[in-house]
Amino acid sequence: MATPTTILAYACLGVGLGALTGLVPGLHVNSVAFVLVGVAPSIDGPPAAVGAAVLAAGVVHTFLSVVPGLVLGVPDAATAPGALPGHRLVLAGRGREAIRLSALGSSIALLVAVGVALPLSHVVAGGREWLLAALPVLLAGVTALLVLAEPTRRSRLGALLCVALATGLGLLTLDLPVSGPLSPDGAASMLAPLFGGLFGAPVLLDALDAHGSIPPQDGVTLGLSRLEALRAGLAGVGGGALVGYLPGVSAGVAAVLALGGSGGSGPAGRGSDRAYVVATSGADTATAVFAVASLAVLGAPRSGVTVALTSLGVAGRTTATSTGEAASVPFGLLDMLLVIALAASLGIVVLVTLGDRYLRLVRVLPRRPLVVAVLGLLVALAFGFGGVLGGAVFCLAALVGLIPPRVGARRVHLMNVLLGPIVLG
């Protein structure tokens, strides 16, 4: 039996590990979770404590993974729609503000999601079939709204082209067999090569031809009103709820859905970029909360972290034994929510502290060698998680990712690599 002190110590260890992995460009939280599962048997500790470390690492990784996307334009799948608007803020000298906007979005989502997770789980248990049936229509509607939000006829036509190409790419690649040295059994996914190619490589390739450097990052005053920030954060909660309870919906889809209600789906500008950052960060944090609620109440793991907890045998739905008594699990819903609250609270502090230092460090590093090094890392991760086939998908995705700015459209339409296959079903 793990004592509260032991669980706290392991959770803090997970916070440190999640912060470290979150700052690595292109490294997905699901990959981190399954790597932890792979090494968990060699860790000398109670299962519940190891589970706390895995959960805390996964939560804090989602906080810190926004930083490489802001500074280098290399997002995680969940933060891809918001990373490029955030990157624009960095180029405008508002990187420190963008980091605080991300922390604000996560804070709003954490407070709301923890409060509604348990009752919402029971509501969803009765209406999940209806939600699944309505999901393709909802996603199609979001796609249409994002296309219509483009400011000109040319950009709307470009957006339609991007939607078609991304959908075709998803249909072609998402179900391909994945085999790479960094993909443990059961953790294989083509998402790392896809998102590295769609949203990371194109920005880096364009940056190789760009001149200048990241400007000084001085301002920390938030450019959103309280109402705008609350609206964007609540939109993130709504997107995160869909990921937590519905199969086939990823965190990237949640982020796109969040944009529809955030006020950030219009043309790039002062308010829209900031709303993007708040909404996508909120969606990421809310996903972590609702995923553990789904696991505890419905017995359905909906994220890499909750699948990892199930693999460790420390969390899941409480069931009845042959004697009629409740079969407990070492890590119940209340335990998981407390760990999430602790990890998220520390993650917000770490995000602001390390995020500012990350900005200062990147400013003094030579830009071209840095871009080449990060691009090389993305290629290595694509081959590491997807093998030769993953490397080929990465290259194909990179070609598609170069198209949006050249047709006057925003890169958010490339998220149809996930939405399109669900809509077409």
Protein backbone atom coordinates (compact mmCIF):
# COMPACT_ATOMS: atom_id res chain seq x y z
CA MET A 1 0.00 0.00 0.00
CA ALA A 2 1.42 3.34 -1.03
CA THR A 3 1.39 6.04 1.62
CA PRO A 4 0.31 9.61 0.74
CA THR A 5 3.92 10.72 1.19
CA THR A 6 5.15 8.11 -1.29
CA ILE A 7 2.49 9.05 -3.85
CA LEU A 8 3.38 12.72 -3.42
CA ALA A 9 7.07 12.02 -3.94
CA TYR A 10 6.44 9.99 -7.10
CA ALA A 11 4.01 12.60 -8.40
CA CYS A 12 6.68 15.29 -7.98
CA LEU A 13 9.12 13.04 -9.83
CA GLY A 14 6.56 12.77 -12.64
CA VAL A 15 6.23 16.56 -12.71
CA GLY A 16 9.96 16.90 -13.32
CA LEU A 17 9.95 14.24 -16.03
CA GLY A 18 6.92 15.78 -17.76
CA ALA A 19 8.59 19.18 -17.76
CA LEU A 20 11.71 17.70 -19.35
CA THR A 21 9.85 15.81 -22.10
CA GLY A 22 7.46 18.69 -22.75
CA LEU A 23 10.33 20.94 -23.80
CA VAL A 24 11.52 18.46 -26.46
CA PRO A 25 10.06 19.59 -29.81
CA GLY A 26 7.70 17.09 -31.44
CA LEU A 27 7.60 14.56 -28.58
CA HIS A 28 4.00 13.43 -28.01
CA VAL A 29 2.58 12.78 -24.54
CA ASN A 30 1.29 9.33 -25.56
CA SER A 31 4.83 8.29 -26.45
CA VAL A 32 6.02 9.51 -23.05
CA ALA A 33 3.28 7.56 -21.27
CA PHE A 34 4.11 4.27 -22.94
CA VAL A 35 7.84 4.70 -22.45
CA LEU A 36 7.07 5.10 -18.75
CA VAL A 37 4.99 1.92 -18.83
CA GLY A 38 7.94 0.13 -20.41
CA VAL A 39 10.28 1.11 -17.59
CA ALA A 40 7.70 0.89 -14.78
CA PRO A 41 8.37 -2.79 -13.94
CA SER A 42 11.98 -1.91 -13.13
CA ILE A 43 10.93 0.89 -10.75
CA ASP A 44 10.98 -0.17 -7.12
CA GLY A 45 7.78 1.36 -5.82
CA PRO A 46 4.08 0.70 -5.09
CA PRO A 47 1.91 0.48 -8.22
CA ALA A 48 -0.26 3.44 -7.15
CA ALA A 49 2.84 5.60 -6.70
CA VAL A 50 4.18 4.63 -10.14
CA GLY A 51 0.75 5.41 -11.56
CA ALA A 52 0.89 8.84 -9.92
CA ALA A 53 4.24 9.49 -11.59
CA VAL A 54 2.87 8.48 -15.01
CA LEU A 55 -0.23 10.64 -14.58
CA ALA A 56 1.71 13.67 -13.31
CA ALA A 57 4.26 13.36 -16.13
CA GLY A 58 1.49 13.22 -18.72
CA VAL A 59 -0.29 16.27 -17.30
CA VAL A 60 2.82 18.46 -17.00
CA HIS A 61 4.03 17.38 -20.45
CA THR A 62 0.85 18.89 -21.92
CA PHE A 63 1.63 22.17 -20.14
CA LEU A 64 5.25 22.47 -21.25
CA SER A 65 4.77 21.11 -24.79
CA VAL A 66 3.22 24.44 -25.78
CA VAL A 67 6.59 26.18 -25.34
CA PRO A 68 8.46 24.65 -28.34
CA GLY A 69 5.40 25.41 -30.47
CA LEU A 70 5.40 29.03 -29.38
CA VAL A 71 9.12 29.59 -29.79
CA LEU A 72 10.05 27.29 -32.67
CA GLY A 73 6.69 26.69 -34.35
CA VAL A 74 6.91 22.93 -33.63
CA PRO A 75 3.67 21.93 -31.90
CA ASP A 76 2.35 18.85 -30.19
CA ALA A 77 -0.70 17.34 -31.91
CA ALA A 78 -3.05 18.79 -29.31
CA THR A 79 -1.65 22.31 -29.53
CA ALA A 80 -1.09 22.41 -33.29
CA PRO A 81 -4.02 24.72 -34.10
CA GLY A 82 -2.88 27.26 -31.52
CA ALA A 83 0.87 26.99 -31.88
CA LEU A 84 1.22 29.05 -35.03
CA PRO A 85 -0.93 31.93 -33.72
CA GLY A 86 1.19 31.72 -30.58
CA HIS A 87 4.32 31.76 -32.73
CA ARG A 88 3.08 34.99 -34.30
CA LEU A 89 2.83 36.47 -30.82
CA VAL A 90 6.45 35.50 -30.16
CA LEU A 91 7.55 37.15 -33.40
CA ALA A 92 5.67 40.27 -32.28
CA GLY A 93 7.63 40.30 -29.01
CA ARG A 94 4.70 38.93 -26.98
CA GLY A 95 6.08 35.49 -26.14
CA ARG A 96 5.93 35.98 -22.39
CA GLU A 97 2.30 37.02 -22.73
CA ALA A 98 1.58 33.93 -24.85
CA ILE A 99 3.03 31.68 -22.15
CA ARG A 100 0.83 33.33 -19.54
CA LEU A 101 -2.20 33.02 -21.79
CA SER A 102 -1.49 29.31 -22.05
CA ALA A 103 -1.24 29.05 -18.26
CA LEU A 104 -4.51 30.98 -17.92
CA GLY A 105 -6.32 28.69 -20.33
CA SER A 106 -5.09 25.63 -18.49
CA SER A 107 -6.06 27.12 -15.11
CA ILE A 108 -9.62 27.89 -16.24
CA ALA A 109 -10.01 24.43 -17.75
CA LEU A 110 -8.60 22.71 -14.65
CA LEU A 111 -11.00 24.45 -12.24
CA VAL A 112 -14.07 23.83 -14.40
CA ALA A 113 -13.23 20.28 -15.53
CA VAL A 114 -12.44 18.97 -12.03
CA GLY A 115 -15.76 20.37 -10.81
CA VAL A 116 -17.92 18.80 -13.53
CA ALA A 117 -15.99 15.61 -14.39
CA LEU A 118 -17.87 13.20 -12.11
CA PRO A 119 -21.47 14.31 -12.82
CA LEU A 120 -20.74 14.72 -16.51
CA SER A 121 -19.37 11.17 -16.67
CA HIS A 122 -22.68 9.78 -15.45
CA VAL A 123 -24.63 11.95 -17.91
CA VAL A 124 -22.45 10.84 -20.81
CA ALA A 125 -22.84 7.19 -19.81
CA GLY A 126 -26.53 7.48 -20.75
CA GLY A 127 -26.16 9.54 -23.92
CA ARG A 128 -22.91 8.42 -25.46
CA GLU A 129 -24.54 6.65 -28.42
CA TRP A 130 -26.32 9.87 -29.42
CA LEU A 131 -23.08 11.83 -29.14
CA LEU A 132 -21.27 9.32 -31.33
CA ALA A 133 -24.01 9.53 -33.95
CA ALA A 134 -23.92 13.34 -33.95
CA LEU A 135 -20.12 13.64 -33.97
CA PRO A 136 -19.58 13.53 -37.78
CA VAL A 137 -22.15 16.29 -38.28
CA LEU A 138 -20.56 18.38 -35.53
CA LEU A 139 -17.08 17.99 -37.00
CA ALA A 140 -18.33 18.80 -40.50
CA GLY A 141 -19.95 21.94 -39.13
CA VAL A 142 -16.75 23.04 -37.41
CA THR A 143 -14.78 22.48 -40.61
CA ALA A 144 -17.27 24.56 -42.60
CA LEU A 145 -17.18 27.40 -40.07
CA LEU A 146 -13.38 27.51 -40.12
CA VAL A 147 -13.40 27.69 -43.93
CA LEU A 148 -16.04 30.44 -43.94
CA ALA A 149 -14.02 32.38 -41.37
CA GLU A 150 -11.28 32.97 -43.95
CA PRO A 151 -11.36 36.67 -44.97
CA THR A 152 -11.30 36.43 -48.79
CA ARG A 153 -12.69 34.25 -51.56
CA ARG A 154 -9.17 33.19 -52.52
CA SER A 155 -8.31 32.13 -48.98
CA ARG A 156 -11.58 30.21 -48.66
CA LEU A 157 -10.80 28.30 -51.85
CA GLY A 158 -7.31 27.67 -50.50
CA ALA A 159 -8.84 26.42 -47.26
CA LEU A 160 -11.03 23.96 -49.18
CA LEU A 161 -7.94 22.67 -50.97
CA CYS A 162 -6.16 22.21 -47.63
CA VAL A 163 -9.19 20.40 -46.18
CA ALA A 164 -9.28 18.01 -49.14
CA LEU A 165 -5.54 17.31 -49.07
CA ALA A 166 -5.45 16.81 -45.30
CA THR A 167 -8.48 14.51 -45.39
CA GLY A 168 -6.89 12.44 -48.13
CA LEU A 169 -3.64 12.28 -46.17
CA GLY A 170 -5.48 11.05 -43.10
CA LEU A 171 -7.39 8.39 -45.02
CA LEU A 172 -4.16 7.24 -46.61
CA THR A 173 -1.92 7.12 -43.55
CA LEU A 174 -3.74 6.91 -40.21
CA ASP A 175 -4.35 3.16 -40.37
CA LEU A 176 -0.95 2.22 -41.76
CA PRO A 177 1.02 -0.31 -39.70
CA VAL A 178 3.55 1.40 -37.49
CA SER A 179 6.78 -0.18 -36.36
CA GLY A 180 9.61 1.85 -34.90
CA PRO A 181 12.22 1.34 -32.20
CA LEU A 182 10.56 3.98 -29.99
CA SER A 183 7.04 2.54 -30.32
CA PRO A 184 6.38 -0.12 -27.66
CA ASP A 185 3.74 -2.76 -28.34
CA GLY A 186 0.28 -1.24 -28.20
CA ALA A 187 1.58 2.33 -28.42
CA ALA A 188 2.15 2.53 -32.14
CA SER A 189 0.72 5.62 -33.76
CA MET A 190 1.27 7.52 -36.99
CA LEU A 191 0.45 10.82 -35.25
CA ALA A 192 4.07 11.75 -34.47
CA PRO A 193 5.20 11.60 -38.13
CA LEU A 194 1.97 13.22 -39.33
CA PHE A 195 1.97 16.20 -37.01
CA GLY A 196 5.71 16.66 -37.18
CA GLY A 197 5.40 16.86 -40.96
CA LEU A 198 2.23 18.93 -41.19
CA PHE A 199 2.91 21.55 -38.55
CA GLY A 200 6.59 21.36 -37.60
CA ALA A 201 8.71 20.79 -40.68
CA PRO A 202 7.03 23.43 -42.92
CA VAL A 203 7.56 26.20 -40.36
CA LEU A 204 11.19 25.18 -39.92
CA LEU A 205 11.80 24.91 -43.67
CA ASP A 206 10.38 28.39 -44.20
CA ALA A 207 12.47 29.64 -41.28
CA LEU A 208 15.66 28.50 -43.04
CA ASP A 209 15.03 31.17 -45.68
CA ALA A 210 13.95 33.82 -43.19
CA HIS A 211 16.28 36.53 -41.99
CA GLY A 212 16.48 38.16 -38.58
CA SER A 213 15.97 36.72 -35.13
CA ILE A 214 13.37 36.47 -32.40
CA PRO A 215 12.76 40.00 -31.07
CA PRO A 216 13.01 40.93 -27.37
CA GLN A 217 10.17 39.46 -25.31
CA ASP A 218 9.14 42.09 -22.80
CA GLY A 219 5.37 42.40 -22.43
CA VAL A 220 3.41 40.27 -19.96
CA THR A 221 0.13 42.22 -19.89
CA LEU A 222 -2.67 40.01 -21.19
CA GLY A 223 -4.40 41.34 -24.30
CA LEU A 224 -7.71 39.55 -23.65
CA SER A 225 -10.54 40.75 -21.44
CA ARG A 226 -11.74 38.52 -18.61
CA LEU A 227 -14.85 37.60 -20.60
CA GLU A 228 -12.84 36.72 -23.71
CA ALA A 229 -10.41 34.60 -21.69
CA LEU A 230 -13.24 32.82 -19.88
CA ARG A 231 -15.04 32.12 -23.13
CA ALA A 232 -11.91 30.67 -24.72
CA GLY A 233 -11.11 28.58 -21.64
CA LEU A 234 -14.65 27.18 -21.47
CA ALA A 235 -14.48 26.35 -25.17
CA GLY A 236 -11.38 24.33 -24.35
CA VAL A 237 -13.30 22.48 -21.63
CA GLY A 238 -16.00 21.55 -24.14
CA GLY A 239 -13.45 20.23 -26.61
CA GLY A 240 -11.64 18.29 -23.90
CA ALA A 241 -14.89 16.65 -22.78
CA LEU A 242 -15.41 15.13 -26.23
CA VAL A 243 -11.93 13.59 -26.16
CA GLY A 244 -12.46 12.21 -22.68
CA TYR A 245 -15.67 10.39 -23.48
CA LEU A 246 -15.81 9.58 -27.18
CA PRO A 247 -13.71 6.98 -28.99
CA GLY A 248 -11.89 8.12 -32.10
CA VAL A 249 -11.65 11.76 -30.97
CA SER A 250 -8.10 12.93 -30.33
CA ALA A 251 -6.79 15.95 -28.46
CA GLY A 252 -6.08 17.59 -31.81
CA VAL A 253 -9.76 17.34 -32.72
CA ALA A 254 -10.66 18.80 -29.32
CA ALA A 255 -8.46 21.80 -29.98
CA VAL A 256 -10.16 22.50 -33.31
CA LEU A 257 -13.60 22.15 -31.73
CA ALA A 258 -12.52 24.54 -28.98
CA LEU A 259 -11.63 27.18 -31.55
CA GLY A 260 -15.21 27.29 -32.80
CA GLY A 261 -16.40 28.58 -29.43
CA SER A 262 -13.35 30.58 -28.42
CA GLY A 263 -13.82 33.64 -30.58
CA GLY A 264 -10.51 32.73 -32.20
CA SER A 265 -11.64 31.20 -35.45
CA GLY A 266 -11.68 34.43 -37.39
CA PRO A 267 -8.81 36.01 -39.32
CA ALA A 268 -5.49 36.30 -37.56
CA GLY A 269 -5.36 39.32 -35.34
CA ARG A 270 -4.83 40.67 -31.88
CA GLY A 271 -7.72 38.91 -30.15
CA SER A 272 -7.94 35.79 -32.30
CA ASP A 273 -4.33 34.71 -31.78
CA ARG A 274 -4.65 35.09 -28.04
CA ALA A 275 -7.97 33.22 -27.94
CA TYR A 276 -6.35 30.39 -29.93
CA VAL A 277 -3.65 29.97 -27.29
CA VAL A 278 -6.11 30.03 -24.37
CA ALA A 279 -8.56 27.61 -26.03
CA THR A 280 -6.03 25.02 -27.16
CA SER A 281 -4.21 25.01 -23.81
CA GLY A 282 -7.55 24.68 -22.03
CA ALA A 283 -8.56 21.78 -24.29
CA ASP A 284 -5.31 19.97 -23.51
CA THR A 285 -5.73 20.29 -19.74
CA ALA A 286 -9.44 19.45 -19.79
CA THR A 287 -8.69 16.34 -21.82
CA ALA A 288 -6.44 15.04 -19.04
CA VAL A 289 -9.21 15.49 -16.46
CA PHE A 290 -12.07 14.01 -18.47
CA ALA A 291 -9.95 11.10 -19.67
CA VAL A 292 -9.35 9.88 -16.11
CA ALA A 293 -13.04 10.40 -15.26
CA SER A 294 -13.99 8.28 -18.27
CA LEU A 295 -11.56 5.60 -17.12
CA ALA A 296 -12.89 5.55 -13.55
CA VAL A 297 -16.62 5.80 -14.29
CA LEU A 298 -16.99 4.17 -17.71
CA GLY A 299 -13.95 1.90 -17.67
CA ALA A 300 -12.89 3.40 -21.01
CA PRO A 301 -9.31 4.69 -21.44
CA ARG A 302 -9.36 7.62 -23.88
CA SER A 303 -5.76 8.86 -23.86
CA GLY A 304 -2.27 7.44 -23.92
CA VAL A 305 -1.85 8.21 -20.22
CA THR A 306 -5.05 6.41 -19.17
CA VAL A 307 -4.19 3.43 -21.39
CA ALA A 308 -0.83 3.39 -19.62
CA LEU A 309 -2.53 3.43 -16.21
CA THR A 310 -4.72 0.53 -17.30
CA SER A 311 -1.66 -1.38 -18.52
CA LEU A 312 -0.10 -0.91 -15.10
CA GLY A 313 -3.28 -2.28 -13.47
CA VAL A 314 -3.61 0.67 -11.10
CA ALA A 315 -6.76 2.40 -12.41
CA GLY A 316 -10.08 1.59 -14.01
CA ARG A 317 -13.77 1.22 -13.26
CA THR A 318 -14.68 -0.40 -9.95
CA THR A 319 -16.46 -3.72 -10.56
CA ALA A 320 -18.18 -6.31 -8.41
CA THR A 321 -16.37 -9.49 -7.37
CA SER A 322 -17.90 -12.97 -7.30
CA THR A 323 -18.88 -12.39 -3.67
CA GLY A 324 -20.79 -9.24 -4.55
CA GLU A 325 -18.24 -6.89 -3.02
CA ALA A 326 -16.70 -3.98 -4.89
CA ALA A 327 -13.30 -4.75 -6.37
CA SER A 328 -11.18 -1.69 -5.68
CA VAL A 329 -8.31 -0.39 -7.75
CA PRO A 330 -5.17 1.11 -6.20
CA PHE A 331 -5.77 4.45 -7.92
CA GLY A 332 -9.36 5.72 -7.73
CA LEU A 333 -10.96 8.76 -9.36
CA LEU A 334 -10.44 11.02 -6.35
CA ASP A 335 -6.78 9.99 -6.16
CA MET A 336 -6.27 10.70 -9.86
CA LEU A 337 -8.01 14.07 -9.68
CA LEU A 338 -5.87 15.08 -6.69
CA VAL A 339 -2.70 14.13 -8.58
CA ILE A 340 -3.90 16.06 -11.64
CA ALA A 341 -4.66 19.12 -9.50
CA LEU A 342 -1.22 18.93 -7.87
CA ALA A 343 0.62 18.34 -11.15
CA ALA A 344 -1.33 21.06 -12.97
CA SER A 345 -0.70 23.58 -10.20
CA LEU A 346 3.02 22.88 -10.31
CA GLY A 347 2.90 22.74 -14.09
CA ILE A 348 1.56 26.28 -14.31
CA VAL A 349 4.43 27.57 -12.17
CA VAL A 350 7.00 25.56 -14.14
CA LEU A 351 5.48 26.72 -17.45
CA VAL A 352 5.87 30.40 -16.62
CA THR A 353 9.32 29.96 -15.06
CA LEU A 354 10.92 27.70 -17.66
CA GLY A 355 8.98 29.24 -20.54
CA ASP A 356 10.54 32.65 -19.96
CA ARG A 357 14.00 31.08 -19.72
CA TYR A 358 13.36 29.08 -22.89
CA LEU A 359 12.57 32.31 -24.71
CA ARG A 360 15.77 33.95 -23.51
CA LEU A 361 17.89 30.91 -24.41
CA VAL A 362 16.49 30.59 -27.94
CA ARG A 363 17.08 34.29 -28.59
CA VAL A 364 20.83 34.00 -27.96
CA LEU A 365 21.34 30.75 -29.91
CA PRO A 366 22.31 30.97 -33.62
CA ARG A 367 18.99 30.67 -35.41
CA ARG A 368 19.88 28.68 -38.53
CA PRO A 369 21.82 25.88 -36.73
CA LEU A 370 19.01 25.72 -34.14
CA VAL A 371 16.36 25.31 -36.86
CA VAL A 372 18.42 22.62 -38.61
CA ALA A 373 18.93 20.77 -35.30
CA VAL A 374 15.20 20.80 -34.46
CA LEU A 375 14.30 19.70 -37.99
CA GLY A 376 16.76 16.82 -37.63
CA LEU A 377 15.15 15.89 -34.32
CA LEU A 378 11.70 15.77 -35.93
CA VAL A 379 13.02 13.50 -38.68
CA ALA A 380 14.62 11.23 -36.08
CA LEU A 381 11.37 11.05 -34.07
CA ALA A 382 9.38 10.25 -37.21
CA PHE A 383 11.64 7.30 -37.99
CA GLY A 384 11.85 6.37 -34.29
CA PHE A 385 8.11 6.12 -33.80
CA GLY A 386 7.07 5.06 -37.30
CA GLY A 387 10.04 3.30 -38.84
CA VAL A 388 10.76 3.73 -42.56
CA LEU A 389 7.05 4.07 -43.29
CA GLY A 390 6.78 6.78 -40.65
CA GLY A 391 9.65 8.65 -42.26
CA ALA A 392 7.90 8.51 -45.63
CA VAL A 393 4.66 9.78 -44.08
CA PHE A 394 6.60 12.60 -42.43
CA CYS A 395 7.99 13.72 -45.80
CA LEU A 396 4.59 13.53 -47.49
CA ALA A 397 2.96 15.46 -44.63
CA ALA A 398 5.69 18.11 -44.85
CA LEU A 399 4.84 18.71 -48.51
CA VAL A 400 1.16 19.13 -47.64
CA GLY A 401 2.10 21.39 -44.73
CA LEU A 402 3.88 23.81 -47.05
CA ILE A 403 0.67 24.55 -48.98
CA PRO A 404 -1.58 26.67 -46.65
CA PRO A 405 0.50 29.89 -46.57
CA ARG A 406 1.04 29.61 -50.31
CA VAL A 407 -2.71 29.58 -51.01
CA GLY A 408 -3.51 32.24 -48.41
CA ALA A 409 -5.15 29.88 -45.89
CA ARG A 410 -4.44 29.12 -42.25
CA ARG A 411 -2.78 25.88 -41.22
CA VAL A 412 -5.63 24.99 -38.86
CA HIS A 413 -7.42 23.41 -41.85
CA LEU A 414 -4.75 20.72 -41.90
CA MET A 415 -6.33 19.33 -38.73
CA ASN A 416 -8.75 17.66 -41.12
CA VAL A 417 -6.14 14.93 -41.27
CA LEU A 418 -8.06 13.75 -38.17
CA LEU A 419 -11.48 15.33 -38.65
CA GLY A 420 -11.98 14.28 -42.27
CA PRO A 421 -11.72 10.50 -41.76
CA ILE A 422 -14.18 10.71 -38.85
CA VAL A 423 -16.70 12.70 -40.90
CA LEU A 424 -16.43 10.32 -43.85
CA GLY A 425 -16.57 7.51 -41.41
